[in-house]
Structures are given as C-alpha cells and as structure tokens.
Amino acid sequence: MSQAFYDFAPYAASASVPLRLGAALVLAWGACLLVLKVAQRAGGPHPMVNRSWAIVGTVVAAMALWVAVLCGVCVIAGTGVAELPLLPCALTLLFAGAAIGVTLLAAIRGKGAQRLLGAAAGGGCSMATISVWAESSLPASARCCRKRRWSG
C-alpha cells in the first residue's frame, strides 16, 4: 500500500499572500495614525514636549512605513527579505524618514501654502521610497534587458 505525498507548499505560499499584504496595509495605516497623533500632540504649549513628540514620532512612524513597504515589496516580488540588496534598503529608510519628517514639520509649523508644499514634498519622498523598492526588487536579468531595450 503506497501513500501519496502531496506538496502543499505552493498552496500555503499563495494563501499567505493576502495575509502578508494585509499586514503591510495595517502597518502603513498605523504609521499614518501615529503621524496624525503626533501632529495633534505637538500643538501643545510646552516646546520641549512638542520637540520630543515630533522626534520620536518621526522615527517610529518612518520605521513603520519602511517595514510596511518592505512587506509589500517582498510579497509582490515573491522574494524574501534577505534577497533584497542592502543599499536600496538603507536608501529607502532615509526616504521614509524624510517623508514623515517633512510632512510632520509642515503640519506642525506650516501655514497655508507651506502645509501644501510640505505634503507635496512628503508625497515625493514616499514615491521615491516606492520607486527604489520597486527597482531593487527586480531580478538582475530584468534590469539588464530593460537597459538594453531603452539604450537603443
């Protein structure tokens, strides 16, 4: 009597994709809520408390945004974290910090058009974060083919 062995690994991997994307979305949502709370807290009368809230909130929200994008990229690219290059990972951490910091600074200290400019700069830094992640998650063969096709 032979027993059939079924490999359920592909099914488990495909079933975990929505959960991993959901975790990335929850992390990004949590980072946005933290930024909103820090912006509300930083409007108080004590400048030392305002500064500490802004600094700690920026660092924590930037790390949460970075991890959220990392989770999303790993799910979409189908790779593990260890397969992503180190330099783009560090660069995106800086971009995520800049996006959160510029947005918070504009929300706390900006007036009118300065808030819009700060939001636009934060959005630009967020787009830079996503574009660096997207570029780093491409396999080397895809990058090479894309360069040859456009260098024409």
N, C-alpha and C. Protein backbone atom coordinates (compact mmCIF):
# COMPACT_ATOMS: atom_id res chain seq x y z
N MET A 1 0.85 -1.17 0.00
CA MET A 1 0.00 0.00 0.00
C MET A 1 0.90 1.23 0.00
N SER A 2 0.72 2.07 -0.98
CA SER A 2 1.56 3.27 -1.07
C SER A 2 0.75 4.49 -0.65
N GLN A 3 1.45 5.36 -0.01
CA GLN A 3 0.80 6.60 0.40
C GLN A 3 1.23 7.70 -0.55
N ALA A 4 0.30 8.48 -1.00
CA ALA A 4 0.61 9.60 -1.89
C ALA A 4 1.03 10.79 -1.03
N PHE A 5 2.08 11.42 -1.47
CA PHE A 5 2.57 12.61 -0.76
C PHE A 5 2.21 13.84 -1.59
N TYR A 6 1.52 14.74 -0.99
CA TYR A 6 1.14 15.96 -1.68
C TYR A 6 1.96 17.12 -1.15
N ASP A 7 2.45 17.93 -2.06
CA ASP A 7 3.24 19.10 -1.68
C ASP A 7 2.29 20.29 -1.57
N PHE A 8 2.03 20.69 -0.35
CA PHE A 8 1.11 21.80 -0.12
C PHE A 8 1.81 23.14 0.00
N ALA A 9 3.13 23.17 -0.16
CA ALA A 9 3.89 24.42 -0.01
C ALA A 9 3.44 25.52 -0.98
N PRO A 10 3.22 25.21 -2.27
CA PRO A 10 2.76 26.30 -3.17
C PRO A 10 1.40 26.85 -2.76
N TYR A 11 0.52 25.97 -2.28
CA TYR A 11 -0.80 26.43 -1.87
C TYR A 11 -0.71 27.29 -0.61
N ALA A 12 0.13 26.89 0.31
CA ALA A 12 0.29 27.67 1.53
C ALA A 12 0.91 29.03 1.22
N ALA A 13 1.88 29.05 0.30
CA ALA A 13 2.51 30.33 -0.06
C ALA A 13 1.52 31.27 -0.73
N SER A 14 0.69 30.72 -1.62
CA SER A 14 -0.30 31.59 -2.28
C SER A 14 -1.41 32.01 -1.33
N ALA A 15 -1.71 31.19 -0.34
CA ALA A 15 -2.73 31.56 0.64
C ALA A 15 -2.23 32.63 1.60
N SER A 16 -0.92 32.70 1.80
CA SER A 16 -0.38 33.69 2.73
C SER A 16 -0.22 35.07 2.10
N VAL A 17 -0.33 35.17 0.79
CA VAL A 17 -0.14 36.47 0.13
C VAL A 17 -1.14 37.52 0.62
N PRO A 18 -2.44 37.23 0.67
CA PRO A 18 -3.36 38.26 1.17
C PRO A 18 -3.09 38.65 2.62
N LEU A 19 -2.68 37.68 3.43
CA LEU A 19 -2.37 37.99 4.83
C LEU A 19 -1.15 38.91 4.93
N ARG A 20 -0.13 38.65 4.13
CA ARG A 20 1.07 39.48 4.16
C ARG A 20 0.78 40.88 3.61
N LEU A 21 -0.01 40.96 2.56
CA LEU A 21 -0.39 42.28 2.04
C LEU A 21 -1.27 43.03 3.04
N GLY A 22 -2.13 42.30 3.74
CA GLY A 22 -2.94 42.92 4.78
C GLY A 22 -2.09 43.44 5.92
N ALA A 23 -1.05 42.69 6.29
CA ALA A 23 -0.13 43.15 7.34
C ALA A 23 0.59 44.42 6.90
N ALA A 24 0.99 44.47 5.63
CA ALA A 24 1.65 45.68 5.12
C ALA A 24 0.70 46.87 5.16
N LEU A 25 -0.55 46.65 4.80
CA LEU A 25 -1.54 47.73 4.83
C LEU A 25 -1.81 48.20 6.25
N VAL A 26 -1.90 47.28 7.19
CA VAL A 26 -2.13 47.64 8.59
C VAL A 26 -0.94 48.43 9.15
N LEU A 27 0.27 48.04 8.79
CA LEU A 27 1.45 48.78 9.24
C LEU A 27 1.46 50.19 8.68
N ALA A 28 1.14 50.34 7.40
CA ALA A 28 1.10 51.68 6.80
C ALA A 28 0.00 52.52 7.44
N TRP A 29 -1.14 51.91 7.71
CA TRP A 29 -2.24 52.63 8.35
C TRP A 29 -1.85 53.07 9.76
N GLY A 30 -1.17 52.18 10.48
CA GLY A 30 -0.70 52.51 11.82
C GLY A 30 0.30 53.66 11.81
N ALA A 31 1.18 53.68 10.80
CA ALA A 31 2.13 54.79 10.68
C ALA A 31 1.40 56.10 10.43
N CYS A 32 0.38 56.07 9.59
CA CYS A 32 -0.40 57.29 9.33
C CYS A 32 -1.12 57.77 10.58
N LEU A 33 -1.70 56.85 11.34
CA LEU A 33 -2.38 57.24 12.57
C LEU A 33 -1.39 57.81 13.59
N LEU A 34 -0.20 57.24 13.65
CA LEU A 34 0.81 57.75 14.57
C LEU A 34 1.23 59.17 14.18
N VAL A 35 1.39 59.41 12.89
CA VAL A 35 1.75 60.76 12.43
C VAL A 35 0.64 61.74 12.77
N LEU A 36 -0.61 61.34 12.60
CA LEU A 36 -1.73 62.20 12.94
C LEU A 36 -1.73 62.52 14.44
N LYS A 37 -1.50 61.52 15.27
CA LYS A 37 -1.48 61.73 16.72
C LYS A 37 -0.32 62.62 17.14
N VAL A 38 0.84 62.44 16.53
CA VAL A 38 1.99 63.29 16.85
C VAL A 38 1.72 64.72 16.44
N ALA A 39 1.10 64.92 15.28
CA ALA A 39 0.78 66.28 14.83
C ALA A 39 -0.22 66.94 15.79
N GLN A 40 -1.18 66.18 16.30
CA GLN A 40 -2.12 66.73 17.26
C GLN A 40 -1.44 67.04 18.60
N ARG A 41 -0.56 66.17 19.05
CA ARG A 41 0.12 66.35 20.33
C ARG A 41 1.11 67.50 20.31
N ALA A 42 1.73 67.72 19.15
CA ALA A 42 2.78 68.72 19.07
C ALA A 42 2.24 70.14 19.06
N GLY A 43 0.96 70.31 19.10
CA GLY A 43 0.39 71.64 19.12
C GLY A 43 0.21 72.21 20.52
N GLY A 44 0.75 71.55 21.54
CA GLY A 44 0.58 71.98 22.92
C GLY A 44 1.46 73.16 23.30
N PRO A 45 1.29 73.67 24.52
CA PRO A 45 2.02 74.87 24.94
C PRO A 45 3.47 74.63 25.35
N HIS A 46 3.90 73.40 25.55
CA HIS A 46 5.26 73.13 26.03
C HIS A 46 6.18 72.78 24.86
N PRO A 47 7.17 73.63 24.57
CA PRO A 47 8.02 73.37 23.41
C PRO A 47 8.90 72.12 23.54
N MET A 48 9.35 71.78 24.75
CA MET A 48 10.19 70.59 24.92
C MET A 48 9.40 69.32 24.64
N VAL A 49 8.16 69.28 25.12
CA VAL A 49 7.30 68.13 24.85
C VAL A 49 6.99 68.04 23.37
N ASN A 50 6.73 69.18 22.74
CA ASN A 50 6.44 69.19 21.30
C ASN A 50 7.61 68.63 20.51
N ARG A 51 8.82 69.06 20.85
CA ARG A 51 10.00 68.61 20.12
C ARG A 51 10.23 67.12 20.32
N SER A 52 10.08 66.63 21.55
CA SER A 52 10.31 65.20 21.79
C SER A 52 9.25 64.35 21.09
N TRP A 53 8.00 64.81 21.10
CA TRP A 53 6.95 64.08 20.38
C TRP A 53 7.26 64.04 18.90
N ALA A 54 7.71 65.15 18.35
CA ALA A 54 7.98 65.19 16.91
C ALA A 54 9.15 64.29 16.53
N ILE A 55 10.20 64.28 17.33
CA ILE A 55 11.38 63.47 17.00
C ILE A 55 11.07 61.98 17.13
N VAL A 56 10.52 61.59 18.27
CA VAL A 56 10.21 60.17 18.48
C VAL A 56 9.13 59.69 17.52
N GLY A 57 8.12 60.50 17.30
CA GLY A 57 7.06 60.13 16.37
C GLY A 57 7.56 59.98 14.94
N THR A 58 8.48 60.84 14.54
CA THR A 58 9.05 60.73 13.19
C THR A 58 9.84 59.45 13.03
N VAL A 59 10.66 59.12 14.02
CA VAL A 59 11.48 57.90 13.93
C VAL A 59 10.60 56.65 13.91
N VAL A 60 9.64 56.57 14.80
CA VAL A 60 8.79 55.38 14.88
C VAL A 60 7.91 55.25 13.64
N ALA A 61 7.31 56.34 13.20
CA ALA A 61 6.45 56.28 12.01
C ALA A 61 7.26 55.98 10.75
N ALA A 62 8.48 56.51 10.65
CA ALA A 62 9.32 56.20 9.49
C ALA A 62 9.69 54.73 9.45
N MET A 63 10.00 54.16 10.61
CA MET A 63 10.32 52.72 10.65
C MET A 63 9.09 51.88 10.29
N ALA A 64 7.92 52.28 10.77
CA ALA A 64 6.70 51.54 10.44
C ALA A 64 6.38 51.64 8.95
N LEU A 65 6.56 52.82 8.37
CA LEU A 65 6.33 52.98 6.93
C LEU A 65 7.33 52.15 6.14
N TRP A 66 8.58 52.14 6.56
CA TRP A 66 9.62 51.38 5.88
C TRP A 66 9.32 49.88 5.92
N VAL A 67 8.92 49.38 7.07
CA VAL A 67 8.59 47.96 7.20
C VAL A 67 7.34 47.61 6.38
N ALA A 68 6.37 48.52 6.35
CA ALA A 68 5.16 48.27 5.55
C ALA A 68 5.50 48.14 4.07
N VAL A 69 6.33 49.04 3.58
CA VAL A 69 6.72 48.96 2.18
C VAL A 69 7.57 47.73 1.93
N LEU A 70 8.44 47.38 2.87
CA LEU A 70 9.26 46.17 2.76
C LEU A 70 8.38 44.93 2.65
N CYS A 71 7.36 44.83 3.49
CA CYS A 71 6.43 43.70 3.44
C CYS A 71 5.72 43.63 2.09
N GLY A 72 5.25 44.77 1.63
CA GLY A 72 4.55 44.79 0.34
C GLY A 72 5.45 44.41 -0.81
N VAL A 73 6.67 44.89 -0.83
CA VAL A 73 7.60 44.57 -1.91
C VAL A 73 7.96 43.10 -1.90
N CYS A 74 8.20 42.55 -0.72
CA CYS A 74 8.55 41.13 -0.64
C CYS A 74 7.41 40.24 -1.11
N VAL A 75 6.18 40.62 -0.82
CA VAL A 75 5.03 39.83 -1.26
C VAL A 75 4.87 39.93 -2.77
N ILE A 76 4.93 41.15 -3.29
CA ILE A 76 4.70 41.34 -4.72
C ILE A 76 5.84 40.74 -5.54
N ALA A 77 7.08 40.91 -5.09
CA ALA A 77 8.22 40.38 -5.83
C ALA A 77 8.38 38.87 -5.64
N GLY A 78 7.78 38.34 -4.60
CA GLY A 78 7.90 36.91 -4.34
C GLY A 78 9.27 36.52 -3.81
N THR A 79 9.94 37.44 -3.16
CA THR A 79 11.27 37.17 -2.62
C THR A 79 11.24 37.29 -1.11
N GLY A 80 12.33 36.90 -0.52
CA GLY A 80 12.50 37.08 0.91
C GLY A 80 13.25 38.36 1.19
N VAL A 81 13.27 38.76 2.43
CA VAL A 81 13.95 39.99 2.81
C VAL A 81 15.45 39.87 2.57
N ALA A 82 16.01 38.70 2.79
CA ALA A 82 17.45 38.51 2.64
C ALA A 82 17.90 38.67 1.19
N GLU A 83 17.00 38.53 0.23
CA GLU A 83 17.37 38.63 -1.18
C GLU A 83 17.40 40.07 -1.68
N LEU A 84 16.90 41.02 -0.90
CA LEU A 84 16.93 42.42 -1.33
C LEU A 84 18.29 43.03 -1.05
N PRO A 85 18.78 43.88 -1.95
CA PRO A 85 20.10 44.48 -1.74
C PRO A 85 20.11 45.47 -0.58
N LEU A 86 21.28 45.60 0.07
CA LEU A 86 21.39 46.41 1.28
C LEU A 86 21.31 47.91 0.99
N LEU A 87 21.96 48.39 -0.05
CA LEU A 87 21.99 49.82 -0.32
C LEU A 87 20.60 50.40 -0.59
N PRO A 88 19.79 49.78 -1.45
CA PRO A 88 18.42 50.32 -1.60
C PRO A 88 17.60 50.26 -0.32
N CYS A 89 17.84 49.24 0.50
CA CYS A 89 17.12 49.15 1.78
C CYS A 89 17.46 50.34 2.67
N ALA A 90 18.74 50.67 2.76
CA ALA A 90 19.16 51.81 3.58
C ALA A 90 18.66 53.13 2.98
N LEU A 91 18.69 53.23 1.67
CA LEU A 91 18.23 54.45 1.00
C LEU A 91 16.73 54.67 1.22
N THR A 92 15.97 53.61 1.16
CA THR A 92 14.53 53.76 1.38
C THR A 92 14.20 54.11 2.82
N LEU A 93 15.02 53.66 3.76
CA LEU A 93 14.82 54.06 5.15
C LEU A 93 15.01 55.57 5.29
N LEU A 94 16.01 56.12 4.62
CA LEU A 94 16.22 57.57 4.64
C LEU A 94 15.06 58.31 3.98
N PHE A 95 14.58 57.79 2.85
CA PHE A 95 13.45 58.43 2.17
C PHE A 95 12.18 58.37 3.02
N ALA A 96 11.96 57.24 3.70
CA ALA A 96 10.78 57.13 4.56
C ALA A 96 10.86 58.12 5.72
N GLY A 97 12.06 58.25 6.31
CA GLY A 97 12.24 59.24 7.38
C GLY A 97 12.03 60.66 6.89
N ALA A 98 12.53 60.95 5.68
CA ALA A 98 12.33 62.29 5.12
C ALA A 98 10.85 62.55 4.83
N ALA A 99 10.15 61.55 4.32
CA ALA A 99 8.72 61.73 4.02
C ALA A 99 7.93 62.05 5.28
N ILE A 100 8.16 61.29 6.34
CA ILE A 100 7.44 61.51 7.59
C ILE A 100 7.87 62.83 8.22
N GLY A 101 9.18 63.10 8.26
CA GLY A 101 9.67 64.32 8.90
C GLY A 101 9.20 65.59 8.23
N VAL A 102 9.24 65.62 6.90
CA VAL A 102 8.80 66.81 6.16
C VAL A 102 7.30 67.02 6.35
N THR A 103 6.55 65.95 6.29
CA THR A 103 5.10 66.07 6.46
C THR A 103 4.74 66.55 7.86
N LEU A 104 5.40 65.99 8.87
CA LEU A 104 5.13 66.43 10.24
C LEU A 104 5.55 67.87 10.48
N LEU A 105 6.70 68.24 9.97
CA LEU A 105 7.17 69.62 10.14
C LEU A 105 6.20 70.60 9.49
N ALA A 106 5.72 70.27 8.32
CA ALA A 106 4.76 71.15 7.65
C ALA A 106 3.44 71.21 8.40
N ALA A 107 3.01 70.06 8.97
CA ALA A 107 1.74 70.05 9.68
C ALA A 107 1.82 70.82 10.99
N ILE A 108 2.98 70.75 11.65
CA ILE A 108 3.11 71.40 12.95
C ILE A 108 3.38 72.89 12.83
N ARG A 109 4.32 73.26 11.96
CA ARG A 109 4.76 74.65 11.91
C ARG A 109 4.30 75.41 10.68
N GLY A 110 3.73 74.73 9.71
CA GLY A 110 3.39 75.39 8.45
C GLY A 110 2.10 76.16 8.51
N LYS A 111 1.98 77.10 7.61
CA LYS A 111 0.76 77.90 7.46
C LYS A 111 0.35 77.85 5.99
N GLY A 112 -0.88 77.52 5.73
CA GLY A 112 -1.45 77.58 4.39
C GLY A 112 -0.65 76.86 3.32
N ALA A 113 0.01 77.64 2.46
CA ALA A 113 0.74 77.08 1.33
C ALA A 113 1.94 76.25 1.78
N GLN A 114 2.51 76.56 2.95
CA GLN A 114 3.62 75.76 3.45
C GLN A 114 3.18 74.33 3.77
N ARG A 115 1.95 74.19 4.24
CA ARG A 115 1.44 72.85 4.52
C ARG A 115 1.27 72.06 3.23
N LEU A 116 0.77 72.72 2.20
CA LEU A 116 0.61 72.04 0.91
C LEU A 116 1.97 71.65 0.33
N LEU A 117 2.94 72.55 0.44
CA LEU A 117 4.28 72.26 -0.05
C LEU A 117 4.90 71.11 0.74
N GLY A 118 4.72 71.10 2.05
CA GLY A 118 5.23 70.01 2.88
C GLY A 118 4.57 68.68 2.55
N ALA A 119 3.26 68.71 2.30
CA ALA A 119 2.57 67.47 1.92
C ALA A 119 3.06 66.98 0.56
N ALA A 120 3.29 67.90 -0.37
CA ALA A 120 3.81 67.51 -1.69
C ALA A 120 5.23 66.94 -1.57
N ALA A 121 6.07 67.55 -0.73
CA ALA A 121 7.43 67.04 -0.54
C ALA A 121 7.40 65.67 0.14
N GLY A 122 6.52 65.49 1.12
CA GLY A 122 6.38 64.18 1.76
C GLY A 122 5.89 63.12 0.79
N GLY A 123 4.95 63.50 -0.07
CA GLY A 123 4.48 62.57 -1.10
C GLY A 123 5.58 62.21 -2.09
N GLY A 124 6.40 63.20 -2.45
CA GLY A 124 7.52 62.94 -3.35
C GLY A 124 8.53 61.99 -2.73
N CYS A 125 8.81 62.17 -1.44
CA CYS A 125 9.73 61.25 -0.75
C CYS A 125 9.12 59.85 -0.65
N SER A 126 7.82 59.77 -0.44
CA SER A 126 7.16 58.45 -0.41
C SER A 126 7.23 57.76 -1.76
N MET A 127 7.04 58.53 -2.82
CA MET A 127 7.15 57.96 -4.17
C MET A 127 8.58 57.50 -4.45
N ALA A 128 9.56 58.27 -3.96
CA ALA A 128 10.96 57.85 -4.13
C ALA A 128 11.22 56.55 -3.38
N THR A 129 10.63 56.41 -2.19
CA THR A 129 10.77 55.17 -1.43
C THR A 129 10.24 53.99 -2.22
N ILE A 130 9.04 54.15 -2.77
CA ILE A 130 8.42 53.06 -3.51
C ILE A 130 9.19 52.76 -4.79
N SER A 131 9.68 53.78 -5.47
CA SER A 131 10.40 53.53 -6.72
C SER A 131 11.73 52.83 -6.47
N VAL A 132 12.43 53.18 -5.39
CA VAL A 132 13.69 52.49 -5.08
C VAL A 132 13.41 51.04 -4.72
N TRP A 133 12.34 50.79 -3.95
CA TRP A 133 11.98 49.41 -3.62
C TRP A 133 11.64 48.63 -4.88
N ALA A 134 10.88 49.24 -5.78
CA ALA A 134 10.48 48.54 -7.00
C ALA A 134 11.69 48.21 -7.86
N GLU A 135 12.62 49.14 -7.95
CA GLU A 135 13.82 48.90 -8.74
C GLU A 135 14.69 47.82 -8.12
N SER A 136 14.79 47.81 -6.79
CA SER A 136 15.65 46.82 -6.14
C SER A 136 15.04 45.43 -6.15
N SER A 137 13.73 45.33 -6.27
CA SER A 137 13.10 44.01 -6.24
C SER A 137 13.10 43.33 -7.60
N LEU A 138 13.48 44.06 -8.67
CA LEU A 138 13.56 43.43 -9.97
C LEU A 138 14.73 42.46 -10.00
N PRO A 139 14.58 41.33 -10.66
CA PRO A 139 15.73 40.45 -10.81
C PRO A 139 16.79 41.10 -11.70
N ALA A 140 18.01 40.66 -11.57
CA ALA A 140 19.11 41.25 -12.34
C ALA A 140 18.88 41.08 -13.84
N SER A 141 18.30 39.98 -14.26
CA SER A 141 18.07 39.76 -15.69
C SER A 141 17.06 40.76 -16.25
N ALA A 142 16.04 41.11 -15.48
CA ALA A 142 15.05 42.07 -15.94
C ALA A 142 15.65 43.46 -16.07
N ARG A 143 16.52 43.84 -15.12
CA ARG A 143 17.17 45.14 -15.20
C ARG A 143 18.08 45.22 -16.42
N CYS A 144 18.80 44.15 -16.71
CA CYS A 144 19.72 44.11 -17.84
C CYS A 144 18.94 44.22 -19.15
N CYS A 145 17.85 43.48 -19.28
CA CYS A 145 17.05 43.53 -20.50
C CYS A 145 16.42 44.89 -20.69
N ARG A 146 15.97 45.50 -19.61
CA ARG A 146 15.34 46.82 -19.72
C ARG A 146 16.35 47.86 -20.17
N LYS A 147 17.58 47.79 -19.69
CA LYS A 147 18.60 48.75 -20.10
C LYS A 147 18.94 48.58 -21.58
N ARG A 148 19.04 47.35 -22.04
CA ARG A 148 19.35 47.14 -23.45
C ARG A 148 18.24 47.62 -24.36
N ARG A 149 17.03 47.43 -23.96
CA ARG A 149 15.91 47.80 -24.80
C ARG A 149 15.82 49.32 -24.97
N TRP A 150 16.08 50.07 -23.89
CA TRP A 150 15.95 51.52 -23.96
C TRP A 150 17.22 52.23 -24.40
N SER A 151 18.35 51.54 -24.47
CA SER A 151 19.59 52.21 -24.80
C SER A 151 19.80 52.33 -26.30
N GLY A 152 18.83 52.03 -27.08
CA GLY A 152 18.84 51.97 -28.43
C GLY A 152 19.25 52.65 -29.51
